[in-house]
């Protein structure tokens, strides 16, 4: 059995409670619940792209790179056709979105790049150069979620906004529409070590008397994990405060 160094799902058994929420997110059939824990039962059926990451309420799933069996794309398609044919189109779409992350020898290199990694550029119409500069609405520092202290005074009685890193670059009126008079914490749910996010957000909500919680995230699939983390933190905090999430398109529009 040929092995190669590639990305694959890693399961933290201490965090996994066996809820099974990740199973429907893996139509490839790589995951099963065994003895009350999620486990990889077929290494060669796991593409390592992380479709199941954002669905784990315990944050037990991450991606690691190690020597494992080569991904068997043909075997996966055959499995899906046999067990869940209605999910085949979803699987192929997922591969197309994440083609940039696939190994060079992957059997479906014709698919296009993941929108979170695909290189894009576009031109915007320019208005008058006489338009006055916009004043920053940022009122505190630090803002990175790993760095903010949970007991910082700027969180007290604040409207808290959790912001995916890319949002302020994509959405032109970020300061005016989302930052003004708000406390924020920024992070990247794809690239950061998110293991401490849940505890820190929960502590902020529990101790700071936060008035509301809003999550701003990009439309790319890897960004939705921040919404799930925020919702879980809110539930763990025991607070009953308004919650909202806003999706920003990669060209700067509000998608939802």
Protein backbone atom coordinates (compact mmCIF):
# COMPACT_ATOMS: atom_id res chain seq x y z
CA UNK A 1 0.00 0.00 0.00
CA UNK A 2 1.64 3.23 -1.21
CA UNK A 3 2.12 5.99 1.36
CA UNK A 4 2.93 9.63 0.82
CA UNK A 5 3.30 12.76 2.92
CA UNK A 6 0.10 14.75 2.63
CA UNK A 7 -2.60 16.48 4.65
CA UNK A 8 -5.17 14.44 6.55
CA UNK A 9 -7.71 15.00 9.32
CA UNK A 10 -6.44 14.67 12.89
CA UNK A 11 -8.90 13.84 15.69
CA UNK A 12 -8.27 14.93 19.27
CA UNK A 13 -9.87 12.08 21.19
CA UNK A 14 -9.88 14.06 24.45
CA UNK A 15 -12.08 16.73 22.86
CA UNK A 16 -14.24 14.40 20.76
CA UNK A 17 -17.49 13.49 22.52
CA UNK A 18 -18.74 11.18 19.77
CA UNK A 19 -21.64 13.43 18.75
CA UNK A 20 -21.28 12.34 15.11
CA UNK A 21 -21.93 15.79 13.63
CA UNK A 22 -18.81 15.42 11.47
CA UNK A 23 -19.97 12.20 9.80
CA UNK A 24 -22.50 13.73 7.33
CA UNK A 25 -19.80 16.26 6.33
CA UNK A 26 -17.62 13.41 5.09
CA UNK A 27 -19.51 11.80 2.19
CA UNK A 28 -16.22 10.11 1.27
CA UNK A 29 -16.79 7.69 4.15
CA UNK A 30 -13.42 8.29 5.82
CA UNK A 31 -14.94 8.90 9.27
CA UNK A 32 -16.99 6.68 11.56
CA UNK A 33 -17.98 6.71 15.22
CA UNK A 34 -16.26 3.78 16.95
CA UNK A 35 -16.36 3.20 20.72
CA UNK A 36 -17.88 6.64 21.22
CA UNK A 37 -15.22 8.55 19.28
CA UNK A 38 -14.85 9.79 15.72
CA UNK A 39 -12.10 7.87 13.95
CA UNK A 40 -10.55 7.74 10.50
CA UNK A 41 -11.42 4.30 9.17
CA UNK A 42 -10.02 4.80 5.66
CA UNK A 43 -6.95 7.02 5.30
CA UNK A 44 -7.15 6.79 1.51
CA UNK A 45 -10.70 8.18 1.55
CA UNK A 46 -9.75 11.36 3.47
CA UNK A 47 -8.76 14.15 1.09
CA UNK A 48 -7.43 16.32 3.92
CA UNK A 49 -9.34 19.39 2.74
CA UNK A 50 -11.28 19.79 5.99
CA UNK A 51 -14.94 19.89 4.94
CA UNK A 52 -15.76 18.49 8.38
CA UNK A 53 -13.75 21.02 10.44
CA UNK A 54 -16.37 23.70 10.90
CA UNK A 55 -19.07 21.21 11.89
CA UNK A 56 -17.30 19.85 14.98
CA UNK A 57 -18.85 21.60 18.02
CA UNK A 58 -15.91 20.56 20.24
CA UNK A 59 -13.14 21.73 17.92
CA UNK A 60 -11.70 18.21 17.94
CA UNK A 61 -10.82 18.16 14.25
CA UNK A 62 -7.71 19.74 12.76
CA UNK A 63 -5.50 19.08 9.75
CA UNK A 64 -2.01 17.65 9.99
CA UNK A 65 0.59 16.56 7.46
CA UNK A 66 2.11 13.11 7.77
CA UNK A 67 2.92 9.87 5.96
CA UNK A 68 -0.40 8.23 5.11
CA UNK A 69 -2.00 6.21 2.33
CA UNK A 70 -2.41 8.01 -0.99
CA UNK A 71 -5.83 9.53 -1.58
CA UNK A 72 -7.98 7.18 -3.67
CA UNK A 73 -10.21 9.50 -5.67
CA UNK A 74 -11.67 6.77 -7.84
CA UNK A 75 -12.45 4.64 -4.78
CA UNK A 76 -14.14 7.59 -3.11
CA UNK A 77 -16.35 8.29 -6.12
CA UNK A 78 -17.31 4.63 -6.30
CA UNK A 79 -18.13 4.64 -2.59
CA UNK A 80 -20.31 7.76 -2.84
CA UNK A 81 -22.14 6.44 -5.89
CA UNK A 82 -22.94 3.26 -3.99
CA UNK A 83 -23.87 4.70 -0.59
CA UNK A 84 -24.93 8.33 -1.14
CA UNK A 85 -25.26 9.15 -4.85
CA UNK A 86 -27.12 12.35 -4.04
CA UNK A 87 -23.90 13.68 -2.46
CA UNK A 88 -21.63 13.05 -5.45
CA UNK A 89 -22.12 16.50 -6.96
CA UNK A 90 -21.37 18.10 -3.58
CA UNK A 91 -18.15 16.09 -3.33
CA UNK A 92 -16.97 17.08 -6.81
CA UNK A 93 -17.82 20.72 -6.15
CA UNK A 94 -15.79 20.57 -2.95
CA UNK A 95 -12.80 19.23 -4.89
CA UNK A 96 -13.13 22.00 -7.47
CA UNK A 97 -13.19 24.65 -4.75
CA UNK A 98 -10.05 23.24 -3.14
CA UNK A 99 -8.03 22.15 -6.16
CA UNK A 100 -5.19 24.49 -5.22
CA UNK A 101 -4.66 22.52 -2.00
CA UNK A 102 -4.54 19.08 -3.63
CA UNK A 103 -1.28 17.18 -4.21
CA UNK A 104 0.33 17.66 -7.61
CA UNK A 105 -0.32 14.04 -8.51
CA UNK A 106 -4.00 14.17 -7.60
CA UNK A 107 -6.24 12.61 -10.19
CA UNK A 108 -8.54 15.61 -10.51
CA UNK A 109 -6.17 18.49 -11.18
CA UNK A 110 -8.54 19.98 -13.76
CA UNK A 111 -10.73 21.38 -11.00
CA UNK A 112 -10.39 25.05 -10.18
CA UNK A 113 -8.86 26.66 -7.08
CA UNK A 114 -10.37 27.15 -3.66
CA UNK A 115 -11.82 30.69 -3.47
CA UNK A 116 -9.85 31.29 -0.28
CA UNK A 117 -6.54 30.64 -2.11
CA UNK A 118 -7.21 31.48 -5.74
CA UNK A 119 -5.32 34.54 -6.93
CA UNK A 120 -7.75 37.24 -8.08
CA UNK A 121 -7.66 40.93 -8.89
CA UNK A 122 -10.26 43.39 -10.13
CA UNK A 123 -10.61 47.07 -10.85
CA UNK A 124 -12.98 49.43 -9.04
CA UNK A 125 -14.26 52.67 -10.44
CA UNK A 126 -12.47 55.61 -8.84
CA UNK A 127 -14.29 58.66 -7.60
CA UNK A 128 -12.96 62.16 -7.11
CA UNK A 129 -9.52 62.51 -5.55
CA UNK A 130 -10.94 65.38 -3.48
CA UNK A 131 -12.92 63.02 -1.24
CA UNK A 132 -11.69 63.54 2.34
CA UNK A 133 -9.85 60.72 4.08
CA UNK A 134 -11.86 58.47 6.37
CA UNK A 135 -11.02 58.64 10.06
CA UNK A 136 -10.24 55.33 11.74
CA UNK A 137 -12.95 54.09 14.11
CA UNK A 138 -10.58 51.74 15.94
CA UNK A 139 -10.63 52.60 19.62
CA UNK A 140 -8.53 49.92 21.30
CA UNK A 141 -5.48 47.69 21.02
CA UNK A 142 -4.61 44.84 20.82
CA UNK A 143 -7.24 43.43 18.49
CA UNK A 144 -5.85 39.96 17.62
CA UNK A 145 -7.89 37.34 19.46
CA UNK A 146 -4.78 35.50 20.67
CA UNK A 147 -3.50 38.74 22.21
CA UNK A 148 -6.55 40.42 23.70
CA UNK A 149 -6.90 39.96 27.47
CA UNK A 150 -10.39 38.67 28.35
CA UNK A 151 -10.71 41.23 31.15
CA UNK A 152 -9.72 44.23 29.02
CA UNK A 153 -11.80 47.27 29.99
CA UNK A 154 -12.85 47.93 26.41
CA UNK A 155 -14.93 44.73 26.43
CA UNK A 156 -17.05 45.88 29.37
CA UNK A 157 -20.62 46.69 28.31
CA UNK A 158 -19.50 46.61 24.68
CA UNK A 159 -21.03 45.44 21.44
CA UNK A 160 -18.45 42.79 20.50
CA UNK A 161 -17.58 42.02 16.87
CA UNK A 162 -15.49 38.97 15.96
CA UNK A 163 -13.89 39.65 12.59
CA UNK A 164 -12.21 37.22 10.20
CA UNK A 165 -8.90 38.77 9.14
CA UNK A 166 -9.82 39.26 5.47
CA UNK A 167 -13.10 41.11 6.06
CA UNK A 168 -11.71 44.66 6.51
CA UNK A 169 -9.75 44.30 3.26
CA UNK A 170 -12.74 43.11 1.27
CA UNK A 171 -15.45 45.36 2.71
CA UNK A 172 -14.67 49.00 1.96
CA UNK A 173 -16.98 50.55 4.57
CA UNK A 174 -15.84 48.31 7.40
CA UNK A 175 -14.96 51.18 9.75
CA UNK A 176 -18.20 53.05 9.23
CA UNK A 177 -20.59 50.11 9.12
CA UNK A 178 -19.11 47.62 11.56
CA UNK A 179 -16.31 49.12 13.67
CA UNK A 180 -17.73 52.44 14.88
CA UNK A 181 -18.42 52.32 18.64
CA UNK A 182 -17.63 48.59 18.78
CA UNK A 183 -15.04 46.40 20.49
CA UNK A 184 -13.45 43.92 18.12
CA UNK A 185 -11.25 40.86 18.05
CA UNK A 186 -9.81 39.60 14.78
CA UNK A 187 -8.64 36.12 13.82
CA UNK A 188 -8.26 33.67 10.96
CA UNK A 189 -10.29 30.47 11.44
CA UNK A 190 -8.23 28.72 8.73
CA UNK A 191 -4.60 29.61 9.51
CA UNK A 192 -4.59 30.37 13.24
CA UNK A 193 -4.23 27.83 16.02
CA UNK A 194 -7.88 28.01 17.06
CA UNK A 195 -7.64 25.66 20.04
CA UNK A 196 -7.86 28.54 22.53
CA UNK A 197 -10.52 30.56 20.73
CA UNK A 198 -13.52 28.90 22.33
CA UNK A 199 -12.34 29.34 25.91
CA UNK A 200 -11.28 32.95 25.40
CA UNK A 201 -14.49 34.05 23.68
CA UNK A 202 -16.54 32.26 26.34
CA UNK A 203 -14.62 34.05 29.09
CA UNK A 204 -15.09 37.45 27.46
CA UNK A 205 -18.83 36.89 27.10
CA UNK A 206 -19.18 35.51 30.60
CA UNK A 207 -17.21 38.18 32.47
CA UNK A 208 -17.45 41.41 30.46
CA UNK A 209 -21.23 41.96 30.39
CA UNK A 210 -21.10 42.15 26.58
CA UNK A 211 -24.28 43.64 25.14
CA UNK A 212 -24.27 41.88 21.75
CA UNK A 213 -22.13 39.58 19.63
CA UNK A 214 -21.65 39.82 15.86
CA UNK A 215 -19.44 37.66 13.63
CA UNK A 216 -18.09 38.99 10.33
CA UNK A 217 -16.76 36.27 8.06
CA UNK A 218 -15.87 35.77 4.42
CA UNK A 219 -17.93 33.66 2.02
CA UNK A 220 -15.18 31.03 1.60
CA UNK A 221 -15.97 27.69 3.32
CA UNK A 222 -12.99 27.73 5.69
CA UNK A 223 -14.28 30.95 7.31
CA UNK A 224 -17.55 29.51 8.63
CA UNK A 225 -15.76 27.86 11.55
CA UNK A 226 -15.69 31.23 13.31
CA UNK A 227 -19.49 31.35 13.35
CA UNK A 228 -19.72 27.89 14.92
CA UNK A 229 -17.10 28.77 17.54
CA UNK A 230 -18.89 32.00 18.47
CA UNK A 231 -22.25 30.24 18.78
CA UNK A 232 -20.74 27.56 21.00
CA UNK A 233 -19.00 30.16 23.17
CA UNK A 234 -22.25 32.04 23.58
CA UNK A 235 -24.01 28.85 24.66
CA UNK A 236 -21.26 27.99 27.14
CA UNK A 237 -21.25 31.50 28.60
CA UNK A 238 -24.89 31.20 29.64
CA UNK A 239 -25.57 34.71 28.35
CA UNK A 240 -28.76 35.64 26.53
CA UNK A 241 -27.61 38.43 24.25
CA UNK A 242 -28.34 39.29 20.60
CA UNK A 243 -26.23 37.32 18.11
CA UNK A 244 -25.75 37.96 14.43
CA UNK A 245 -23.40 36.92 11.64
CA UNK A 246 -22.63 38.71 8.39
CA UNK A 247 -21.07 37.08 5.34
CA UNK A 248 -18.86 39.20 3.11
CA UNK A 249 -18.20 38.28 -0.52
CA UNK A 250 -14.66 38.24 -1.85
CA UNK A 251 -15.49 41.25 -4.05
CA UNK A 252 -16.71 43.28 -1.11
CA UNK A 253 -20.46 42.76 -1.13
CA UNK A 254 -22.56 41.65 1.85
CA UNK A 255 -23.69 38.14 0.94
CA UNK A 256 -26.01 37.54 3.89
